[in-house]
C-alpha atoms as a PDB file:
ATOM      1  CA  UNK A   1      35.997  -0.218  16.846  1.00  0.00           C
ATOM      2  CA  UNK A   2      32.571  -1.049  18.257  1.00  0.00           C
ATOM      3  CA  UNK A   3      32.182  -2.733  21.661  1.00  0.00           C
ATOM      4  CA  UNK A   4      29.472  -5.382  21.729  1.00  0.00           C
ATOM      5  CA  UNK A   5      26.424  -5.150  23.964  1.00  0.00           C
ATOM      6  CA  UNK A   6      27.734  -8.070  26.021  1.00  0.00           C
ATOM      7  CA  UNK A   7      31.034  -6.322  26.577  1.00  0.00           C
ATOM      8  CA  UNK A   8      29.308  -3.106  27.626  1.00  0.00           C
ATOM      9  CA  UNK A   9      26.964  -4.968  29.975  1.00  0.00           C
ATOM     10  CA  UNK A  10      29.911  -6.822  31.490  1.00  0.00           C
ATOM     11  CA  UNK A  11      31.762  -3.595  32.310  1.00  0.00           C
ATOM     12  CA  UNK A  12      28.666  -1.882  33.734  1.00  0.00           C
ATOM     13  CA  UNK A  13      27.778  -4.895  35.886  1.00  0.00           C
ATOM     14  CA  UNK A  14      31.348  -5.099  37.176  1.00  0.00           C
ATOM     15  CA  UNK A  15      31.347  -1.393  38.005  1.00  0.00           C
ATOM     16  CA  UNK A  16      28.063  -1.636  39.905  1.00  0.00           C
ATOM     17  CA  UNK A  17      28.912  -4.780  41.893  1.00  0.00           C
ATOM     18  CA  UNK A  18      32.696  -4.390  42.306  1.00  0.00           C
ATOM     19  CA  UNK A  19      33.117  -8.128  41.970  1.00  0.00           C
ATOM     20  CA  UNK A  20      33.488 -10.588  39.093  1.00  0.00           C
ATOM     21  CA  UNK A  21      31.465 -13.136  41.067  1.00  0.00           C
ATOM     22  CA  UNK A  22      28.559 -10.799  41.788  1.00  0.00           C
ATOM     23  CA  UNK A  23      28.621  -9.328  38.293  1.00  0.00           C
ATOM     24  CA  UNK A  24      28.491 -12.800  36.739  1.00  0.00           C
ATOM     25  CA  UNK A  25      25.528 -13.709  38.961  1.00  0.00           C
ATOM     26  CA  UNK A  26      23.785 -10.467  37.983  1.00  0.00           C
ATOM     27  CA  UNK A  27      24.192 -11.214  34.277  1.00  0.00           C
ATOM     28  CA  UNK A  28      23.420 -14.916  34.746  1.00  0.00           C
ATOM     29  CA  UNK A  29      26.699 -16.002  33.126  1.00  0.00           C
ATOM     30  CA  UNK A  30      29.731 -17.875  34.406  1.00  0.00           C
ATOM     31  CA  UNK A  31      32.601 -15.939  35.936  1.00  0.00           C
ATOM     32  CA  UNK A  32      34.936 -17.146  33.197  1.00  0.00           C
ATOM     33  CA  UNK A  33      32.526 -15.907  30.520  1.00  0.00           C
ATOM     34  CA  UNK A  34      32.366 -12.501  32.180  1.00  0.00           C
ATOM     35  CA  UNK A  35      36.134 -12.339  32.448  1.00  0.00           C
ATOM     36  CA  UNK A  36      36.386 -13.239  28.769  1.00  0.00           C
ATOM     37  CA  UNK A  37      34.053 -10.361  27.790  1.00  0.00           C
ATOM     38  CA  UNK A  38      36.200  -7.895  29.761  1.00  0.00           C
ATOM     39  CA  UNK A  39      39.389  -9.191  28.132  1.00  0.00           C
ATOM     40  CA  UNK A  40      37.825  -8.908  24.666  1.00  0.00           C
ATOM     41  CA  UNK A  41      36.815  -5.321  25.443  1.00  0.00           C
ATOM     42  CA  UNK A  42      40.351  -4.482  26.564  1.00  0.00           C
ATOM     43  CA  UNK A  43      41.803  -6.063  23.427  1.00  0.00           C
ATOM     44  CA  UNK A  44      39.399  -4.056  21.301  1.00  0.00           C
ATOM     45  CA  UNK A  45      40.309  -0.790  23.046  1.00  0.00           C
ATOM     46  CA  UNK A  46      43.999  -1.570  23.390  1.00  0.00           C
ATOM     47  CA  UNK A  47      43.841  -0.410  27.027  1.00  0.00           C
ATOM     48  CA  UNK A  48      42.851  -1.852  30.382  1.00  0.00           C
ATOM     49  CA  UNK A  49      39.426  -1.119  31.808  1.00  0.00           C
ATOM     50  CA  UNK A  50      39.958  -3.140  34.994  1.00  0.00           C
ATOM     51  CA  UNK A  51      42.886  -3.056  37.403  1.00  0.00           C
ATOM     52  CA  UNK A  52      43.286  -6.523  38.879  1.00  0.00           C
ATOM     53  CA  UNK A  53      45.075  -7.133  42.186  1.00  0.00           C
ATOM     54  CA  UNK A  54      45.209 -10.086  44.512  1.00  0.00           C
ATOM     55  CA  UNK A  55      42.927  -8.318  46.990  1.00  0.00           C
ATOM     56  CA  UNK A  56      40.312  -6.536  44.916  1.00  0.00           C
ATOM     57  CA  UNK A  57      39.089  -5.588  41.476  1.00  0.00           C
ATOM     58  CA  UNK A  58      38.665  -1.959  40.519  1.00  0.00           C
ATOM     59  CA  UNK A  59      38.117  -0.037  37.308  1.00  0.00           C
ATOM     60  CA  UNK A  60      40.914   1.766  35.544  1.00  0.00           C
ATOM     61  CA  UNK A  61      40.602   5.421  34.700  1.00  0.00           C
ATOM     62  CA  UNK A  62      39.344   4.480  31.237  1.00  0.00           C
ATOM     63  CA  UNK A  63      36.898   2.003  32.752  1.00  0.00           C
ATOM     64  CA  UNK A  64      35.473   4.697  35.029  1.00  0.00           C
ATOM     65  CA  UNK A  65      35.067   7.048  32.051  1.00  0.00           C
ATOM     66  CA  UNK A  66      33.363   4.446  29.896  1.00  0.00           C
ATOM     67  CA  UNK A  67      30.965   3.080  32.535  1.00  0.00           C
ATOM     68  CA  UNK A  68      28.467   6.001  32.618  1.00  0.00           C
ATOM     69  CA  UNK A  69      28.506   6.203  28.813  1.00  0.00           C
ATOM     70  CA  UNK A  70      27.874   2.473  28.408  1.00  0.00           C
ATOM     71  CA  UNK A  71      25.247   2.564  31.160  1.00  0.00           C
ATOM     72  CA  UNK A  72      23.269   5.324  29.425  1.00  0.00           C
ATOM     73  CA  UNK A  73      23.499   3.623  26.040  1.00  0.00           C
ATOM     74  CA  UNK A  74      22.255   0.333  27.489  1.00  0.00           C
ATOM     75  CA  UNK A  75      19.474   2.076  29.403  1.00  0.00           C
ATOM     76  CA  UNK A  76      18.281   3.907  26.279  1.00  0.00           C
ATOM     77  CA  UNK A  77      18.410   0.718  24.234  1.00  0.00           C
ATOM     78  CA  UNK A  78      16.560  -1.331  26.851  1.00  0.00           C
ATOM     79  CA  UNK A  79      13.911   1.358  27.142  1.00  0.00           C
ATOM     80  CA  UNK A  80      13.479   1.480  23.352  1.00  0.00           C
ATOM     81  CA  UNK A  81      13.189  -2.297  23.114  1.00  0.00           C
ATOM     82  CA  UNK A  82      10.662  -2.333  25.974  1.00  0.00           C
ATOM     83  CA  UNK A  83       8.653   0.333  24.148  1.00  0.00           C
ATOM     84  CA  UNK A  84       8.669  -1.759  20.977  1.00  0.00           C
ATOM     85  CA  UNK A  85       7.560  -4.822  22.932  1.00  0.00           C
ATOM     86  CA  UNK A  86       4.728  -2.825  24.513  1.00  0.00           C
ATOM     87  CA  UNK A  87       3.596  -1.542  21.151  1.00  0.00           C
ATOM     88  CA  UNK A  88       3.701  -5.036  19.691  1.00  0.00           C
ATOM     89  CA  UNK A  89       1.676  -6.299  22.647  1.00  0.00           C
ATOM     90  CA  UNK A  90      -0.691  -3.320  22.155  1.00  0.00           C
ATOM     91  CA  UNK A  91      -0.054  -2.029  25.657  1.00  0.00           C
ATOM     92  CA  UNK A  92       0.505   1.383  24.130  1.00  0.00           C
ATOM     93  CA  UNK A  93       0.697   3.048  20.721  1.00  0.00           C
ATOM     94  CA  UNK A  94      -1.602   5.150  18.586  1.00  0.00           C
ATOM     95  CA  UNK A  95      -3.834   4.818  15.554  1.00  0.00           C
ATOM     96  CA  UNK A  96      -4.652   7.699  13.213  1.00  0.00           C
ATOM     97  CA  UNK A  97      -7.416   7.241  10.663  1.00  0.00           C
ATOM     98  CA  UNK A  98      -9.383   9.419   8.280  1.00  0.00           C
ATOM     99  CA  UNK A  99     -12.984   8.856   7.263  1.00  0.00           C
ATOM    100  CA  UNK A 100     -15.712  10.831   5.457  1.00  0.00           C
ATOM    101  CA  UNK A 101     -18.121  12.841   7.564  1.00  0.00           C
ATOM    102  CA  UNK A 102     -21.043  10.412   7.497  1.00  0.00           C
ATOM    103  CA  UNK A 103     -18.899   7.414   8.415  1.00  0.00           C
ATOM    104  CA  UNK A 104     -17.270   9.547  11.106  1.00  0.00           C
ATOM    105  CA  UNK A 105     -20.576  10.370  12.799  1.00  0.00           C
ATOM    106  CA  UNK A 106     -22.138   6.902  12.529  1.00  0.00           C
ATOM    107  CA  UNK A 107     -20.117   3.702  12.197  1.00  0.00           C
ATOM    108  CA  UNK A 108     -16.522   4.695  12.986  1.00  0.00           C
ATOM    109  CA  UNK A 109     -17.115   5.942  16.572  1.00  0.00           C
ATOM    110  CA  UNK A 110     -18.789   2.605  17.351  1.00  0.00           C
ATOM    111  CA  UNK A 111     -15.761   0.735  16.001  1.00  0.00           C
ATOM    112  CA  UNK A 112     -13.393   2.924  18.035  1.00  0.00           C
ATOM    113  CA  UNK A 113     -15.389   2.380  21.224  1.00  0.00           C
ATOM    114  CA  UNK A 114     -15.433  -1.401  20.736  1.00  0.00           C
ATOM    115  CA  UNK A 115     -11.709  -1.470  19.932  1.00  0.00           C
ATOM    116  CA  UNK A 116     -10.838   0.602  23.013  1.00  0.00           C
ATOM    117  CA  UNK A 117     -12.648  -1.927  25.200  1.00  0.00           C
ATOM    118  CA  UNK A 118     -10.240  -4.578  23.941  1.00  0.00           C
ATOM    119  CA  UNK A 119      -7.117  -2.359  23.839  1.00  0.00           C
ATOM    120  CA  UNK A 120      -7.658   0.504  26.305  1.00  0.00           C
ATOM    121  CA  UNK A 121      -4.009   1.620  26.218  1.00  0.00           C
ATOM    122  CA  UNK A 122      -4.024   2.348  22.481  1.00  0.00           C
ATOM    123  CA  UNK A 123      -4.940   5.901  21.523  1.00  0.00           C
ATOM    124  CA  UNK A 124      -7.186   6.225  18.462  1.00  0.00           C
ATOM    125  CA  UNK A 125      -7.443   9.568  16.671  1.00  0.00           C
ATOM    126  CA  UNK A 126     -10.157  10.137  14.062  1.00  0.00           C
ATOM    127  CA  UNK A 127      -9.866  12.778  11.354  1.00  0.00           C
ATOM    128  CA  UNK A 128     -13.235  13.517   9.756  1.00  0.00           C
ATOM    129  CA  UNK A 129     -13.010  15.164   6.359  1.00  0.00           C
ATOM    130  CA  UNK A 130     -14.726  15.402   2.969  1.00  0.00           C
ATOM    131  CA  UNK A 131     -14.528  12.017   1.301  1.00  0.00           C
ATOM    132  CA  UNK A 132     -12.454  13.501  -1.532  1.00  0.00           C
ATOM    133  CA  UNK A 133      -9.678  14.264   0.995  1.00  0.00           C
ATOM    134  CA  UNK A 134      -9.336  10.809   2.551  1.00  0.00           C
ATOM    135  CA  UNK A 135      -6.636   9.578   0.154  1.00  0.00           C
ATOM    136  CA  UNK A 136      -4.762  12.885   0.412  1.00  0.00           C
ATOM    137  CA  UNK A 137      -4.608  12.583   4.209  1.00  0.00           C
ATOM    138  CA  UNK A 138      -3.204   9.064   3.811  1.00  0.00           C
ATOM    139  CA  UNK A 139      -0.649  10.115   1.196  1.00  0.00           C
ATOM    140  CA  UNK A 140       0.599  13.058   3.268  1.00  0.00           C
ATOM    141  CA  UNK A 141       1.199  10.816   6.272  1.00  0.00           C
ATOM    142  CA  UNK A 142      -1.241  12.763   8.430  1.00  0.00           C
ATOM    143  CA  UNK A 143      -3.050   9.481   9.134  1.00  0.00           C
ATOM    144  CA  UNK A 144      -2.049   5.815   9.083  1.00  0.00           C
ATOM    145  CA  UNK A 145      -4.947   4.797   6.889  1.00  0.00           C
ATOM    146  CA  UNK A 146      -8.289   5.986   5.597  1.00  0.00           C
ATOM    147  CA  UNK A 147     -11.734   4.504   5.087  1.00  0.00           C
ATOM    148  CA  UNK A 148     -13.826   5.559   2.146  1.00  0.00           C
ATOM    149  CA  UNK A 149     -15.747   4.638  -0.994  1.00  0.00           C
ATOM    150  CA  UNK A 150     -14.127   3.377  -4.154  1.00  0.00           C
ATOM    151  CA  UNK A 151     -11.906   5.853  -5.940  1.00  0.00           C
ATOM    152  CA  UNK A 152      -9.731   5.768  -9.055  1.00  0.00           C
ATOM    153  CA  UNK A 153      -6.613   3.694  -8.383  1.00  0.00           C
ATOM    154  CA  UNK A 154      -3.229   5.365  -7.866  1.00  0.00           C
ATOM    155  CA  UNK A 155       0.278   3.904  -7.674  1.00  0.00           C
ATOM    156  CA  UNK A 156       0.931   5.442  -4.240  1.00  0.00           C
ATOM    157  CA  UNK A 157      -2.236   4.332  -2.439  1.00  0.00           C
ATOM    158  CA  UNK A 158      -3.250   0.722  -1.808  1.00  0.00           C
ATOM    159  CA  UNK A 159      -6.925  -0.189  -1.416  1.00  0.00           C
ATOM    160  CA  UNK A 160      -8.146  -3.148   0.642  1.00  0.00           C
ATOM    161  CA  UNK A 161     -11.856  -4.070   0.289  1.00  0.00           C
ATOM    162  CA  UNK A 162     -13.867  -3.482   3.466  1.00  0.00           C
ATOM    163  CA  UNK A 163     -17.580  -3.790   2.682  1.00  0.00           C
ATOM    164  CA  UNK A 164     -20.195  -3.313  -0.028  1.00  0.00           C
ATOM    165  CA  UNK A 165     -23.669  -1.879   0.593  1.00  0.00           C
ATOM    166  CA  UNK A 166     -26.703  -1.078  -1.562  1.00  0.00           C
ATOM    167  CA  UNK A 167     -28.137   2.426  -1.740  1.00  0.00           C
ATOM    168  CA  UNK A 168     -31.318   3.263   0.148  1.00  0.00           C
ATOM    169  CA  UNK A 169     -33.695   6.149  -0.421  1.00  0.00           C
ATOM    170  CA  UNK A 170     -34.390   8.648   2.376  1.00  0.00           C
ATOM    171  CA  UNK A 171     -37.562  10.727   2.557  1.00  0.00           C
ATOM    172  CA  UNK A 172     -39.666  12.529   5.191  1.00  0.00           C
ATOM    173  CA  UNK A 173     -42.692  10.927   6.890  1.00  0.00           C
ATOM    174  CA  UNK A 174     -45.900  11.263   4.917  1.00  0.00           C
ATOM    175  CA  UNK A 175     -44.063  11.440   1.584  1.00  0.00           C
ATOM    176  CA  UNK A 176     -45.748   9.905  -1.454  1.00  0.00           C
ATOM    177  CA  UNK A 177     -43.007   7.243  -1.594  1.00  0.00           C
ATOM    178  CA  UNK A 178     -44.319   5.860   1.680  1.00  0.00           C
ATOM    179  CA  UNK A 179     -47.378   4.532  -0.150  1.00  0.00           C
ATOM    180  CA  UNK A 180     -45.398   2.407  -2.588  1.00  0.00           C
ATOM    181  CA  UNK A 181     -44.729  -1.272  -1.872  1.00  0.00           C
ATOM    182  CA  UNK A 182     -41.373  -1.079  -3.618  1.00  0.00           C
ATOM    183  CA  UNK A 183     -39.289   1.931  -4.620  1.00  0.00           C
ATOM    184  CA  UNK A 184     -37.220   2.034  -7.790  1.00  0.00           C
ATOM    185  CA  UNK A 185     -34.713   4.515  -9.169  1.00  0.00           C
ATOM    186  CA  UNK A 186     -37.383   5.682 -11.580  1.00  0.00           C
ATOM    187  CA  UNK A 187     -39.471   6.664  -8.566  1.00  0.00           C
ATOM    188  CA  UNK A 188     -36.563   8.702  -7.195  1.00  0.00           C
ATOM    189  CA  UNK A 189     -36.387  10.630 -10.434  1.00  0.00           C
ATOM    190  CA  UNK A 190     -39.950  11.909  -9.955  1.00  0.00           C
ATOM    191  CA  UNK A 191     -39.006  14.070  -6.955  1.00  0.00           C
ATOM    192  CA  UNK A 192     -36.374  16.764  -6.268  1.00  0.00           C
ATOM    193  CA  UNK A 193     -33.181  14.801  -5.681  1.00  0.00           C
ATOM    194  CA  UNK A 194     -30.570  16.141  -3.251  1.00  0.00           C
ATOM    195  CA  UNK A 195     -27.133  14.670  -3.851  1.00  0.00           C
ATOM    196  CA  UNK A 196     -23.517  15.125  -2.818  1.00  0.00           C
ATOM    197  CA  UNK A 197     -20.919  16.991  -4.808  1.00  0.00           C
ATOM    198  CA  UNK A 198     -17.899  15.379  -6.455  1.00  0.00           C
ATOM    199  CA  UNK A 199     -17.171  11.780  -7.313  1.00  0.00           C
ATOM    200  CA  UNK A 200     -20.008  10.451  -5.164  1.00  0.00           C
ATOM    201  CA  UNK A 201     -22.596  11.909  -7.528  1.00  0.00           C
ATOM    202  CA  UNK A 202     -20.496  11.325 -10.639  1.00  0.00           C
ATOM    203  CA  UNK A 203     -20.188   7.615  -9.922  1.00  0.00           C
ATOM    204  CA  UNK A 204     -23.837   7.330  -8.895  1.00  0.00           C
ATOM    205  CA  UNK A 205     -25.058   9.023 -12.088  1.00  0.00           C
ATOM    206  CA  UNK A 206     -22.761   6.808 -14.128  1.00  0.00           C
ATOM    207  CA  UNK A 207     -24.072   3.653 -12.430  1.00  0.00           C
ATOM    208  CA  UNK A 208     -27.665   4.770 -12.922  1.00  0.00           C
ATOM    209  CA  UNK A 209     -27.010   5.479 -16.606  1.00  0.00           C
ATOM    210  CA  UNK A 210     -25.374   2.077 -17.111  1.00  0.00           C
ATOM    211  CA  UNK A 211     -28.266   0.263 -15.418  1.00  0.00           C
ATOM    212  CA  UNK A 212     -31.066   2.383 -16.890  1.00  0.00           C
ATOM    213  CA  UNK A 213     -30.246   3.707 -20.325  1.00  0.00           C
ATOM    214  CA  UNK A 214     -33.507   5.598 -20.505  1.00  0.00           C
ATOM    215  CA  UNK A 215     -33.201   7.162 -17.041  1.00  0.00           C
ATOM    216  CA  UNK A 216     -31.421  10.475 -16.533  1.00  0.00           C
ATOM    217  CA  UNK A 217     -31.098  11.270 -12.833  1.00  0.00           C
ATOM    218  CA  UNK A 218     -30.662  15.027 -12.394  1.00  0.00           C
ATOM    219  CA  UNK A 219     -29.814  16.370  -8.920  1.00  0.00           C
ATOM    220  CA  UNK A 220     -32.061  19.230  -7.809  1.00  0.00           C
ATOM    221  CA  UNK A 221     -29.393  20.356  -5.350  1.00  0.00           C
ATOM    222  CA  UNK A 222     -25.811  19.210  -4.672  1.00  0.00           C
ATOM    223  CA  UNK A 223     -24.321  19.698  -1.213  1.00  0.00           C
ATOM    224  CA  UNK A 224     -20.979  18.873   0.396  1.00  0.00           C
ATOM    225  CA  UNK A 225     -22.070  16.764   3.369  1.00  0.00           C
ATOM    226  CA  UNK A 226     -24.691  14.072   3.789  1.00  0.00           C
ATOM    227  CA  UNK A 227     -25.869  15.703   7.012  1.00  0.00           C
ATOM    228  CA  UNK A 228     -26.791  18.747   4.933  1.00  0.00           C
ATOM    229  CA  UNK A 229     -28.709  16.546   2.509  1.00  0.00           C
ATOM    230  CA  UNK A 230     -30.587  14.951   5.408  1.00  0.00           C
ATOM    231  CA  UNK A 231     -31.407  18.370   6.841  1.00  0.00           C
ATOM    232  CA  UNK A 232     -32.763  19.413   3.442  1.00  0.00           C
ATOM    233  CA  UNK A 233     -34.918  16.282   3.309  1.00  0.00           C
ATOM    234  CA  UNK A 234     -36.112  16.981   6.847  1.00  0.00           C
ATOM    235  CA  UNK A 235     -37.151  20.436   5.638  1.00  0.00           C
ATOM    236  CA  UNK A 236     -39.092  18.700   2.830  1.00  0.00           C
ATOM    237  CA  UNK A 237     -36.940  20.172   0.090  1.00  0.00           C
ATOM    238  CA  UNK A 238     -36.514  16.837  -1.658  1.00  0.00           C
ATOM    239  CA  UNK A 239     -35.316  13.269  -1.124  1.00  0.00           C
ATOM    240  CA  UNK A 240     -31.853  11.755  -1.086  1.00  0.00           C
ATOM    241  CA  UNK A 241     -30.041   8.425  -1.133  1.00  0.00           C
ATOM    242  CA  UNK A 242     -27.411   7.099   1.249  1.00  0.00           C
ATOM    243  CA  UNK A 243     -26.026   3.812   2.563  1.00  0.00           C
ATOM    244  CA  UNK A 244     -27.492   1.674   5.377  1.00  0.00           C
ATOM    245  CA  UNK A 245     -24.701   2.425   7.857  1.00  0.00           C
ATOM    246  CA  UNK A 246     -26.171   5.959   8.139  1.00  0.00           C
ATOM    247  CA  UNK A 247     -29.380   4.609   9.683  1.00  0.00           C
ATOM    248  CA  UNK A 248     -28.830   6.252  13.095  1.00  0.00           C
ATOM    249  CA  UNK A 249     -28.345   9.660  11.503  1.00  0.00           C
ATOM    250  CA  UNK A 250     -31.462   9.143   9.376  1.00  0.00           C
ATOM    251  CA  UNK A 251     -33.375   8.337  12.549  1.00  0.00           C
ATOM    252  CA  UNK A 252     -31.972  11.421  14.258  1.00  0.00           C
ATOM    253  CA  UNK A 253     -33.528  13.608  11.550  1.00  0.00           C
ATOM    254  CA  UNK A 254     -36.855  11.759  11.898  1.00  0.00           C
ATOM    255  CA  UNK A 255     -36.696  10.435   8.325  1.00  0.00           C
ATOM    256  CA  UNK A 256     -37.565   7.140   6.700  1.00  0.00           C
ATOM    257  CA  UNK A 257     -35.164   4.844   4.859  1.00  0.00           C
ATOM    258  CA  UNK A 258     -36.073   2.075   2.431  1.00  0.00           C
ATOM    259  CA  UNK A 259     -34.287  -0.143  -0.102  1.00  0.00           C
ATOM    260  CA  UNK A 260     -33.988   0.917  -3.721  1.00  0.00           C
ATOM    261  CA  UNK A 261     -34.774  -1.816  -6.221  1.00  0.00           C
ATOM    262  CA  UNK A 262     -34.685  -2.643  -9.905  1.00  0.00           C
ATOM    263  CA  UNK A 263     -31.802  -3.276  -9.484  1.00  0.00           C
ATOM    264  CA  UNK A 264     -30.018  -2.574  -6.193  1.00  0.00           C
ATOM    265  CA  UNK A 265     -27.029  -0.333  -6.910  1.00  0.00           C
ATOM    266  CA  UNK A 266     -24.171  -0.736  -4.457  1.00  0.00           C
ATOM    267  CA  UNK A 267     -21.165   1.192  -3.285  1.00  0.00           C
ATOM    268  CA  UNK A 268     -17.919  -0.460  -2.200  1.00  0.00           C
ATOM    269  CA  UNK A 269     -15.759   0.889   0.624  1.00  0.00           C
ATOM    270  CA  UNK A 270     -12.053   0.301   1.157  1.00  0.00           C
ATOM    271  CA  UNK A 271      -9.258   0.740   3.662  1.00  0.00           C
ATOM    272  CA  UNK A 272      -6.672   3.007   2.032  1.00  0.00           C
ATOM    273  CA  UNK A 273      -2.991   2.856   2.993  1.00  0.00           C
ATOM    274  CA  UNK A 274       0.176   4.344   1.563  1.00  0.00           C
ATOM    275  CA  UNK A 275       1.881   1.617  -0.413  1.00  0.00           C
ATOM    276  CA  UNK A 276       5.480   2.212   0.689  1.00  0.00           C
ATOM    277  CA  UNK A 277       4.675   2.586   4.385  1.00  0.00           C
ATOM    278  CA  UNK A 278       4.108  -0.334   6.754  1.00  0.00           C
ATOM    279  CA  UNK A 279       1.402   0.065   9.370  1.00  0.00           C
ATOM    280  CA  UNK A 280       2.343   0.089  13.048  1.00  0.00           C
ATOM    281  CA  UNK A 281       1.246  -2.910  15.163  1.00  0.00           C
ATOM    282  CA  UNK A 282      -1.544  -0.785  16.646  1.00  0.00           C
ATOM    283  CA  UNK A 283      -2.794   0.344  13.219  1.00  0.00           C
ATOM    284  CA  UNK A 284      -2.617  -3.219  11.877  1.00  0.00           C
ATOM    285  CA  UNK A 285      -4.580  -4.390  14.894  1.00  0.00           C
ATOM    286  CA  UNK A 286      -7.251  -1.730  14.357  1.00  0.00           C
ATOM    287  CA  UNK A 287      -7.663  -2.604  10.661  1.00  0.00           C
ATOM    288  CA  UNK A 288      -8.031  -6.292  11.565  1.00  0.00           C
ATOM    289  CA  UNK A 289     -10.577  -5.362  14.234  1.00  0.00           C
ATOM    290  CA  UNK A 290     -12.441  -3.199  11.715  1.00  0.00           C
ATOM    291  CA  UNK A 291     -12.860  -6.170   9.385  1.00  0.00           C
ATOM    292  CA  UNK A 292     -14.020  -8.259  12.346  1.00  0.00           C
ATOM    293  CA  UNK A 293     -16.509  -5.580  13.350  1.00  0.00           C
ATOM    294  CA  UNK A 294     -17.913  -5.345   9.818  1.00  0.00           C
ATOM    295  CA  UNK A 295     -18.260  -9.125   9.595  1.00  0.00           C
ATOM    296  CA  UNK A 296     -20.318  -9.308  12.791  1.00  0.00           C
ATOM    297  CA  UNK A 297     -22.455  -6.182  12.271  1.00  0.00           C
ATOM    298  CA  UNK A 298     -24.897  -6.326   9.390  1.00  0.00           C
ATOM    299  CA  UNK A 299     -26.519  -3.054   8.407  1.00  0.00           C
ATOM    300  CA  UNK A 300     -29.845  -4.503   7.347  1.00  0.00           C
ATOM    301  CA  UNK A 301     -32.120  -2.354   5.250  1.00  0.00           C
ATOM    302  CA  UNK A 302     -35.446  -2.090   7.106  1.00  0.00           C
ATOM    303  CA  UNK A 303     -38.606  -1.496   5.183  1.00  0.00           C
ATOM    304  CA  UNK A 304     -39.326   1.471   7.441  1.00  0.00           C
ATOM    305  CA  UNK A 305     -37.488   3.416  10.109  1.00  0.00           C
END
């Protein structure tokens, strides 16, 4: 026995107005339609909710008991539906994303700032973490999606291509590499190479080996974060490689950044989501905006910085 929303609205409107005529006007229905909803409700309950007399209309005892209950249910439902409409219209909502440290201190804040200009009511929360933890944060539900480099595929995590960039070499001013017209991976191998730990280095060494059978790139030092590698290069402890989106951080350390040739090795980045979980309207909007941002912002590789 479940009263319909129309029946509940009819009883509440009648209780608030005290008149079938006024209640019908309030609900924008005919008086006969309103009367029919009340009769259907009474038939469903097997009891009267309205006491009808020739002079006035008043609620029965049951009607008076049901009115505040129906009113609260309708209010809660209307509020929930309004909240959903606001989220769909991006008048509110939240986005939670995870990104590796270097992306989190270069490109991602710029994307967030640009997105907030378009949707100021949407809250965006960034979780910066080691790149090896991005997928784990997505899988646990801590974030809606993650951004990171290519990783081995899993059944639980879906990967959507975002961008592909070639590696660049980073070195301090006055370094011997600055005298070369073009810099190759063989040139990198002549100097202490500072790399990142984990799959970043593993994939890079694999790509180098595939492209240059005779070249064996051996890291002089492996660190966790790219900012550490840049600090080491700034201290003239070696050179490193990164991707063009890190240009502002390279500039901050007073370093130079140039393309690596023969050939240009690239790294692909993806948006990672949990396969069985649909994104919220706000998160979907942010991912779409992220693709738009990438398409209109080219991280060109300057010959010098």
